[in-house]
Protein backbone atom coordinates (compact mmCIF):
# COMPACT_ATOMS: atom_id res chain seq x y z
CA MET A 1 -29.67 88.14 4.18
CA MET A 2 -31.87 85.18 5.96
CA ASN A 3 -33.20 86.12 9.27
CA ALA A 4 -31.56 85.22 12.11
CA ALA A 5 -34.90 83.92 13.64
CA TRP A 6 -34.42 80.89 10.81
CA HIS A 7 -31.44 79.28 12.72
CA ARG A 8 -32.75 79.20 16.10
CA LEU A 9 -33.81 75.45 17.04
CA SER A 10 -36.39 74.84 19.64
CA ASP A 11 -35.80 73.22 22.49
CA ASN A 12 -37.10 69.93 21.04
CA GLU A 13 -34.87 69.97 18.12
CA LEU A 14 -31.93 70.92 20.52
CA THR A 15 -33.00 67.62 22.76
CA CYS A 16 -33.26 65.61 19.58
CA LEU A 17 -30.12 66.64 18.14
CA LYS A 18 -28.03 66.29 21.43
CA THR A 19 -29.18 62.60 21.79
CA GLY A 20 -27.93 62.13 18.47
CA LEU A 21 -24.42 63.10 19.98
CA PRO A 22 -21.89 60.70 21.78
CA THR A 23 -21.96 61.47 25.09
CA PRO A 24 -19.06 62.11 27.59
CA PRO A 25 -17.84 58.75 29.89
CA ALA A 26 -19.40 58.69 32.80
CA HIS A 27 -16.08 59.91 34.77
CA HIS A 28 -15.51 63.18 32.21
CA PRO A 29 -13.89 65.33 32.88
CA HIS A 30 -12.07 63.70 36.01
CA TYR A 31 -9.98 61.39 33.83
CA ALA A 32 -7.32 59.09 35.51
CA PHE A 33 -4.83 58.80 32.82
CA ARG A 34 -4.40 59.73 29.11
CA PHE A 35 -4.20 57.38 25.91
CA ILE A 36 -4.06 57.65 22.14
CA ASP A 37 -5.71 55.47 19.67
CA LEU A 38 -3.73 54.29 16.51
CA PHE A 39 -5.19 52.52 13.64
CA ALA A 40 -8.21 53.05 15.63
CA GLY A 41 -11.09 51.37 13.28
CA ILE A 42 -14.36 51.70 15.33
CA GLY A 43 -12.82 52.17 18.58
CA GLY A 44 -12.75 48.72 19.56
CA ILE A 45 -9.51 49.01 22.03
CA ARG A 46 -10.52 52.52 23.07
CA ARG A 47 -13.59 51.21 24.64
CA GLY A 48 -11.77 49.10 27.33
CA PHE A 49 -9.57 52.14 28.30
CA GLU A 50 -12.23 54.68 28.50
CA ALA A 51 -14.13 51.98 30.93
CA ILE A 52 -11.37 52.11 33.35
CA GLY A 53 -10.86 55.93 33.27
CA GLY A 54 -8.87 56.80 30.57
CA GLN A 55 -8.92 59.98 28.09
CA CYS A 56 -8.60 59.67 24.46
CA VAL A 57 -6.46 62.53 23.51
CA PHE A 58 -5.52 61.99 19.74
CA THR A 59 -7.19 59.07 17.05
CA SER A 60 -5.60 58.03 14.09
CA GLU A 61 -7.59 56.45 11.45
CA TRP A 62 -7.65 56.90 7.70
CA ASN A 63 -10.67 55.07 6.35
CA LYS A 64 -13.69 57.82 6.09
CA HIS A 65 -16.35 55.11 6.67
CA ALA A 66 -14.52 53.81 9.83
CA VAL A 67 -14.17 57.50 10.77
CA ARG A 68 -17.76 58.25 10.48
CA THR A 69 -18.46 55.17 13.02
CA TYR A 70 -16.11 56.50 15.44
CA LYS A 71 -17.25 59.76 15.80
CA ALA A 72 -20.70 58.59 15.77
CA ASN A 73 -19.77 56.49 19.07
CA TYR A 74 -17.37 58.53 21.04
CA PHE A 75 -16.96 61.58 22.36
CA CYS A 76 -14.14 63.48 21.57
CA ASP A 77 -13.57 66.82 23.09
CA PRO A 78 -12.28 69.25 20.41
CA LEU A 79 -10.51 71.30 23.17
CA GLN A 80 -8.40 68.13 24.65
CA HIS A 81 -8.60 65.53 21.52
CA ARG A 82 -6.91 65.58 17.91
CA PHE A 83 -8.14 63.51 15.40
CA ASN A 84 -5.76 62.50 12.33
CA GLU A 85 -6.44 60.72 9.25
CA ASP A 86 -3.24 59.64 7.85
CA ILE A 87 -0.46 59.07 10.56
CA ARG A 88 2.28 59.54 8.05
CA ASP A 89 1.51 63.03 8.45
CA ILE A 90 2.27 63.29 11.99
CA THR A 91 5.65 60.98 11.50
CA LEU A 92 6.53 62.43 8.31
CA SER A 93 7.95 58.89 7.43
CA HIS A 94 6.33 59.52 3.78
CA ARG A 95 8.85 62.57 3.19
CA GLU A 96 12.56 61.90 2.26
CA GLY A 97 15.24 63.69 4.04
CA VAL A 98 13.82 64.22 7.41
CA SER A 99 16.05 63.37 10.25
CA ASP A 100 14.86 61.24 13.37
CA ASP A 101 15.24 64.32 15.24
CA GLU A 102 12.90 66.38 12.93
CA ALA A 103 10.67 63.80 13.06
CA ALA A 104 10.06 63.30 16.87
CA GLU A 105 9.62 67.23 17.04
CA HIS A 106 7.00 67.23 15.00
CA ILE A 107 5.50 64.23 16.48
CA ARG A 108 5.70 66.15 20.03
CA GLN A 109 3.98 69.15 18.25
CA HIS A 110 0.85 67.32 16.73
CA ILE A 111 0.11 64.20 19.62
CA PRO A 112 -0.49 65.15 23.19
CA GLN A 113 1.20 63.69 25.98
CA HIS A 114 0.12 60.06 27.12
CA ASP A 115 0.49 57.50 29.12
CA VAL A 116 -0.83 54.51 26.94
CA LEU A 117 -0.25 54.11 23.43
CA LEU A 118 -2.80 51.71 21.77
CA ALA A 119 -2.21 50.52 18.32
CA GLY A 120 -3.93 47.55 15.77
CA PHE A 121 -1.16 48.28 13.00
CA PRO A 122 -1.67 46.46 9.81
CA CYS A 123 0.58 43.07 9.37
CA GLN A 124 2.96 43.91 6.76
CA PRO A 125 6.28 42.38 5.51
CA PHE A 126 9.46 43.99 6.64
CA SER A 127 12.69 43.86 4.10
CA LEU A 128 15.98 42.64 5.09
CA ALA A 129 17.38 44.45 2.13
CA GLY A 130 20.09 46.95 3.10
CA VAL A 131 19.89 46.82 6.70
CA SER A 132 22.47 48.80 8.27
CA LYS A 133 23.38 49.84 11.81
CA LYS A 134 22.73 53.55 11.77
CA ASN A 135 22.73 55.64 14.68
CA ALA A 136 18.79 56.07 15.71
CA LEU A 137 17.67 56.98 19.15
CA GLY A 138 21.62 57.40 19.83
CA ARG A 139 22.71 53.80 19.81
CA ALA A 140 23.13 51.55 17.02
CA HIS A 141 20.68 49.48 15.52
CA GLY A 142 18.73 48.91 12.47
CA PHE A 143 15.29 49.05 13.35
CA ALA A 144 14.48 52.14 11.02
CA CYS A 145 15.92 50.46 7.91
CA GLU A 146 14.38 47.14 8.52
CA THR A 147 10.98 48.66 9.81
CA GLN A 148 10.97 51.62 7.07
CA GLY A 149 7.93 51.69 4.54
CA THR A 150 5.62 49.92 7.04
CA LEU A 151 2.61 51.47 9.58
CA PHE A 152 4.57 49.70 12.51
CA PHE A 153 7.59 52.11 11.67
CA ASP A 154 5.05 54.84 12.32
CA VAL A 155 4.36 53.28 15.61
CA VAL A 156 8.09 52.97 16.34
CA ARG A 157 8.44 56.59 15.88
CA ILE A 158 5.62 57.70 18.19
CA ILE A 159 6.97 55.65 20.81
CA ASP A 160 10.24 57.00 20.65
CA ALA A 161 9.15 60.51 20.59
CA ARG A 162 6.54 60.13 23.32
CA ARG A 163 7.90 57.88 25.38
CA PRO A 164 4.51 56.68 26.97
CA ALA A 165 4.74 54.20 29.89
CA LEU A 166 2.70 51.56 28.21
CA PHE A 167 1.74 50.44 25.06
CA VAL A 168 -0.87 47.63 23.86
CA LEU A 169 -0.38 46.55 20.49
CA GLU A 170 -2.87 44.19 18.47
CA ASN A 171 -2.72 42.20 15.44
CA VAL A 172 -3.93 38.96 13.76
CA LYS A 173 -2.30 35.47 15.36
CA ASN A 174 -0.59 34.82 12.05
CA LEU A 175 1.92 37.75 12.87
CA LYS A 176 4.25 35.28 14.75
CA SER A 177 4.91 33.26 11.65
CA HIS A 178 4.18 35.88 8.77
CA ASP A 179 7.38 36.34 6.55
CA GLN A 180 8.62 32.88 8.21
CA GLY A 181 8.53 34.49 11.75
CA ASN A 182 10.82 37.44 10.37
CA THR A 183 7.99 39.58 11.22
CA PHE A 184 7.76 39.36 14.53
CA ARG A 185 11.24 38.90 15.29
CA ILE A 186 12.07 42.31 13.92
CA ILE A 187 9.15 43.86 15.99
CA MET A 188 10.11 42.37 19.41
CA GLN A 189 13.69 43.15 18.89
CA THR A 190 12.58 46.93 17.73
CA LEU A 191 10.37 47.24 21.09
CA ASP A 192 13.55 46.05 22.93
CA GLU A 193 15.78 48.30 21.35
CA LEU A 194 13.39 51.18 22.11
CA GLY A 195 13.96 50.47 25.75
CA TYR A 196 10.54 48.57 26.35
CA ASP A 197 9.53 45.11 28.27
CA VAL A 198 6.79 43.17 26.42
CA ALA A 199 4.99 40.84 28.45
CA ASP A 200 5.23 37.03 28.46
CA ALA A 201 7.92 37.73 25.81
CA ALA A 202 9.70 34.58 26.58
CA ASP A 203 6.20 32.38 26.14
CA ASN A 204 6.23 31.33 22.50
CA GLY A 205 4.88 27.76 23.11
CA PRO A 206 1.20 26.61 22.12
CA ASP A 207 -0.05 27.96 25.08
CA ASP A 208 1.38 31.44 24.56
CA PRO A 209 -0.52 33.77 26.82
CA LYS A 210 -0.02 36.85 24.02
CA ILE A 211 -2.56 34.78 21.89
CA ILE A 212 -6.28 35.50 23.20
CA ASP A 213 -9.34 34.03 22.00
CA GLY A 214 -12.28 35.96 21.86
CA GLN A 215 -14.67 32.74 22.68
CA HIS A 216 -13.70 33.02 26.44
CA PHE A 217 -16.15 35.89 26.09
CA LEU A 218 -18.07 35.51 23.35
CA PRO A 219 -19.44 32.75 21.12
CA GLN A 220 -16.87 33.47 18.19
CA HIS A 221 -13.81 31.81 17.45
CA ARG A 222 -11.23 34.68 17.27
CA GLU A 223 -7.58 34.64 18.26
CA ARG A 224 -5.38 38.14 18.21
CA ILE A 225 -2.07 38.24 19.76
CA VAL A 226 -1.65 41.02 21.87
CA LEU A 227 1.76 42.95 22.90
CA VAL A 228 1.68 44.83 26.06
CA GLY A 229 4.96 46.66 26.75
CA PHE A 230 6.34 48.44 29.80
CA ARG A 231 8.84 51.39 29.73
CA ARG A 232 11.71 49.57 31.29
CA ASP A 233 12.99 52.67 33.42
CA LEU A 234 9.71 52.71 35.01
CA ASN A 235 9.99 49.15 36.41
CA LEU A 236 6.47 48.27 36.05
CA LYS A 237 6.47 45.00 34.27
CA THR A 238 6.88 43.41 37.63
CA ASP A 239 4.31 40.07 38.19
CA PHE A 240 2.50 41.17 34.97
CA THR A 241 1.30 38.21 32.66
CA LEU A 242 -1.23 38.22 30.33
CA ARG A 243 -2.29 34.69 31.83
CA ASN A 244 -4.18 36.45 34.35
CA ILE A 245 -6.71 37.25 31.92
CA ALA A 246 -8.56 34.09 32.86
CA ARG A 247 -9.68 36.10 35.97
CA CYS A 248 -11.67 38.41 33.73
CA TYR A 249 -13.62 35.77 31.98
CA PRO A 250 -17.54 36.03 32.42
CA PRO A 251 -19.27 33.71 34.59
CA ARG A 252 -21.25 33.16 32.06
CA ARG A 253 -20.80 33.40 28.18
CA PRO A 254 -23.81 34.81 26.05
CA THR A 255 -25.22 32.21 23.55
CA LEU A 256 -25.21 33.02 20.27
CA ALA A 257 -29.07 33.03 20.23
CA GLU A 258 -29.03 35.77 22.89
CA LEU A 259 -27.07 38.14 20.13
CA LEU A 260 -29.41 37.40 17.11
CA GLU A 261 -32.51 39.73 16.52
CA PRO A 262 -36.11 37.93 16.71
CA VAL A 263 -36.86 39.07 13.38
CA VAL A 264 -34.50 39.84 10.18
CA GLU A 265 -35.32 41.54 6.68
CA ALA A 266 -35.21 39.30 3.72
CA LYS A 267 -32.28 40.41 2.26
CA TYR A 268 -30.44 39.01 5.13
CA ILE A 269 -31.33 35.69 3.92
CA LEU A 270 -29.07 33.74 1.14
CA THR A 271 -30.51 33.79 -2.29
CA PRO A 272 -31.30 30.37 -3.77
CA VAL A 273 -28.54 30.90 -6.29
CA LEU A 274 -25.85 31.68 -3.44
CA TRP A 275 -27.02 29.16 -1.08
CA LYS A 276 -26.39 26.23 -3.99
CA TYR A 277 -23.49 27.83 -4.93
CA LEU A 278 -21.78 27.53 -1.07
CA TYR A 279 -23.35 24.40 -0.84
CA ARG A 280 -21.88 22.58 -3.37
CA TYR A 281 -18.67 24.48 -3.00
CA ALA A 282 -18.50 23.08 0.50
CA LYS A 283 -19.41 19.41 -0.96
CA LYS A 284 -16.55 19.55 -3.61
CA HIS A 285 -13.52 20.39 -1.19
CA GLN A 286 -15.21 17.71 1.54
CA ALA A 287 -14.86 15.15 -1.35
CA ARG A 288 -11.27 16.14 -1.39
CA GLY A 289 -10.48 15.80 1.88
CA ASN A 290 -10.03 19.37 3.20
CA GLY A 291 -12.19 21.59 5.06
CA PHE A 292 -12.88 24.79 2.87
CA GLY A 293 -16.70 25.70 3.09
CA TYR A 294 -19.37 27.68 4.63
CA GLY A 295 -19.49 27.53 8.61
CA MET A 296 -23.10 26.94 9.72
CA VAL A 297 -23.78 27.43 13.24
CA TYR A 298 -27.23 26.57 15.35
CA PRO A 299 -28.86 29.17 17.37
CA ASP A 300 -30.78 26.19 19.34
CA ASN A 301 -27.23 24.84 20.64
CA PRO A 302 -26.19 26.98 23.69
CA GLU A 303 -22.64 25.85 22.92
CA SER A 304 -22.35 27.12 19.16
CA VAL A 305 -19.41 29.29 18.35
CA ALA A 306 -19.09 30.83 15.28
CA ARG A 307 -15.87 31.16 12.99
CA THR A 308 -13.89 34.39 12.72
CA LEU A 309 -16.04 37.31 11.29
CA SER A 310 -13.99 38.73 8.61
CA ALA A 311 -14.04 41.94 6.49
CA ARG A 312 -14.79 39.94 3.84
CA TYR A 313 -18.12 39.21 5.49
CA TYR A 314 -20.04 41.16 3.08
CA LYS A 315 -19.41 39.18 0.06
CA ASP A 316 -21.66 36.14 0.91
CA GLY A 317 -21.54 35.74 4.44
CA ALA A 318 -19.99 32.19 4.27
CA GLU A 319 -17.87 31.77 7.30
CA ILE A 320 -21.08 32.68 9.57
CA LEU A 321 -24.15 31.40 8.35
CA ILE A 322 -26.99 30.98 10.83
CA ASP A 323 -29.15 28.03 10.55
CA ARG A 324 -32.89 28.40 9.72
CA GLY A 325 -34.21 24.67 9.66
CA TRP A 326 -32.59 23.62 6.82
CA ASP A 327 -32.97 20.02 6.75
CA MET A 328 -29.51 18.46 5.34
CA ALA A 329 -30.44 14.67 4.48
CA LYS A 330 -33.63 16.41 2.58
CA GLY A 331 -31.29 18.78 1.06
CA GLU A 332 -28.84 15.53 -0.19
CA VAL A 333 -31.90 13.76 -1.89
CA ASN A 334 -33.27 17.41 -3.52
CA PHE A 335 -31.56 20.46 -3.20
CA ASP A 336 -34.27 22.31 -4.82
CA ASP A 337 -37.35 20.99 -2.31
CA ALA A 338 -39.64 23.86 -2.19
CA GLY A 339 -40.42 23.22 1.36
CA ASN A 340 -36.74 22.90 2.56
CA GLN A 341 -35.88 26.04 0.51
CA GLN A 342 -38.09 28.23 2.54
CA HIS A 343 -35.16 27.32 5.36
CA ARG A 344 -32.38 28.58 3.91
CA PRO A 345 -29.79 29.68 6.13
CA ARG A 346 -28.89 33.55 6.65
CA ARG A 347 -26.12 35.75 7.42
CA LEU A 348 -25.72 38.02 10.43
CA THR A 349 -27.26 41.28 10.14
CA PRO A 350 -24.60 44.32 11.17
CA ARG A 351 -26.24 44.76 14.64
CA GLU A 352 -25.93 40.93 15.21
CA CYS A 353 -22.27 41.49 14.39
CA ALA A 354 -21.97 44.50 16.71
CA ARG A 355 -23.06 42.02 19.36
CA LEU A 356 -20.78 39.31 18.44
CA MET A 357 -17.98 41.63 18.57
CA GLY A 358 -18.95 42.85 22.13
CA PHE A 359 -19.82 46.55 21.15
CA GLU A 360 -23.31 46.36 22.51
CA ALA A 361 -24.97 43.99 25.01
CA PRO A 362 -27.21 41.25 23.86
CA GLN A 363 -30.94 42.62 22.80
CA THR A 364 -29.57 46.02 23.14
CA TYR A 365 -29.22 48.82 20.41
CA GLN A 366 -26.56 50.97 22.07
CA PHE A 367 -23.84 51.29 19.49
CA ARG A 368 -24.65 53.71 16.40
CA ILE A 369 -24.09 52.21 12.64
CA PRO A 370 -24.20 55.44 10.53
CA VAL A 371 -23.08 53.38 7.50
CA SER A 372 -24.27 50.96 4.70
CA ASP A 373 -24.41 47.25 5.60
CA THR A 374 -21.12 46.51 3.20
CA GLN A 375 -19.17 49.12 5.21
CA ALA A 376 -20.55 47.67 8.75
CA TYR A 377 -19.51 44.51 7.47
CA ARG A 378 -15.92 45.29 6.82
CA GLN A 379 -15.64 47.57 10.08
CA PHE A 380 -16.65 44.97 12.27
CA GLY A 381 -14.46 42.34 10.38
CA ASN A 382 -11.50 44.39 11.01
CA SER A 383 -12.32 45.23 14.53
CA VAL A 384 -11.63 43.34 17.98
CA VAL A 385 -13.79 41.82 20.31
CA VAL A 386 -13.98 44.24 22.69
CA PRO A 387 -14.49 42.39 26.33
CA VAL A 388 -11.01 40.98 25.42
CA PHE A 389 -8.79 44.62 25.47
CA ALA A 390 -11.66 45.55 28.32
CA ALA A 391 -10.26 42.63 30.46
CA VAL A 392 -6.41 43.70 29.29
CA ALA A 393 -7.29 47.30 30.34
CA LYS A 394 -8.48 45.61 33.69
CA LEU A 395 -5.40 44.05 34.07
CA LEU A 396 -3.35 46.92 33.33
CA GLU A 397 -5.48 49.41 35.57
CA PRO A 398 -3.15 49.26 38.45
CA LYS A 399 0.11 49.64 36.48
CA ILE A 400 -1.50 52.60 34.59
CA HIS A 401 -2.11 54.13 38.14
CA GLN A 402 1.41 53.43 39.27
CA ALA A 403 2.65 55.33 35.90
CA VAL A 404 0.36 58.13 36.23
CA THR A 405 1.80 58.81 39.73
CA LEU A 406 5.44 58.46 38.41
CA ARG A 407 5.13 61.25 35.58
CA GLN A 408 3.10 63.44 38.20
CA ARG A 409 6.28 62.86 40.42
CA GLU A 410 8.67 63.62 37.68
CA THR A 411 6.71 66.71 36.57
CA VAL A 412 6.72 67.92 39.86
CA ASP A 413 10.39 67.54 40.27
CA GLY A 414 11.05 68.99 36.93
CA GLY A 415 12.07 66.05 35.17
CA ARG A 416 11.60 65.81 31.43
CA SER A 417 7.94 65.75 30.39
CA ARG A 418 6.57 62.89 28.01
């Protein structure tokens, strides 16, 4: 048997170990409210709600690489936080013959009480085949049939079982037009039937406040739809609009150059073969009159705004290429000019992606990236612009405090606990 002394760590070893672990937020253990983080990815939405005093009590994320990054960066108290990989194990949506009541009870057993539900759910089509007006939730409507088999259905089951005061749902801008508008219509109808009012629900024009562009906060064009819902019986929605997010815009947006590392490894510079392919591909499509091709950004231009970082960025980096002095005119004459080839563009590093998404401030190294470059690119490309949701959280802060007060009063009065 190994001597116990072999298991002892020195003070220095303990210190090194602790510095490698995420630390609790500054307000720990005095949290102002509780929230859950569904389809969490690497926690982009969580950060803003934690920043205003929230405690995350439940996280669900199925991708093992994203889970690794999440756990490397967020404090999850094992006594007050639960982690789940497959949300269907909680909602029982993958099991046949489970009644709504059985599913709701199972959810309440495994997901703690919370004031706010956060979810960046995947965009999936809803089938209209076989829609029936079954009596789910105690009143006639067809949400269960219309959304069955999608991950939005799991969100619906959790909202219905736990009845949070507020929710924040995030998705791509195209959710509104997905499946000729059917997807968005069913989502909004379902949320209404659950007893929730969505902020700015009637605003669907070109200036829809539910569509928020990350370029107001960081130099990246990234539009996302944000659905903020309020439980109708609590009367919290009064006067709330996402149009007020403009109040949260930074007085000065960081420039692209400020996000870039001063020196990068050669592996991030495009190879001559890849650069020629992307260059010729763009020229071919330009000749046809369409806009397909790479997206070059110029660090010396303080107004440069990158295209949307996508999960496919690891493949070739084409949507965001960083100019390194490539001479376009010379490239037109002789693409293979040896001198010009020394200035081939490069892709962003994972660290720069973290900054472009707002996970850390310019020229800092706060966010831990414990995965390969390929996985990191996928994770940042699938995430959200952190300051956008920090701004949403800030706008919601007084409403959340109001909801907490109502919950505490309900508990004191012996009302039904959520």
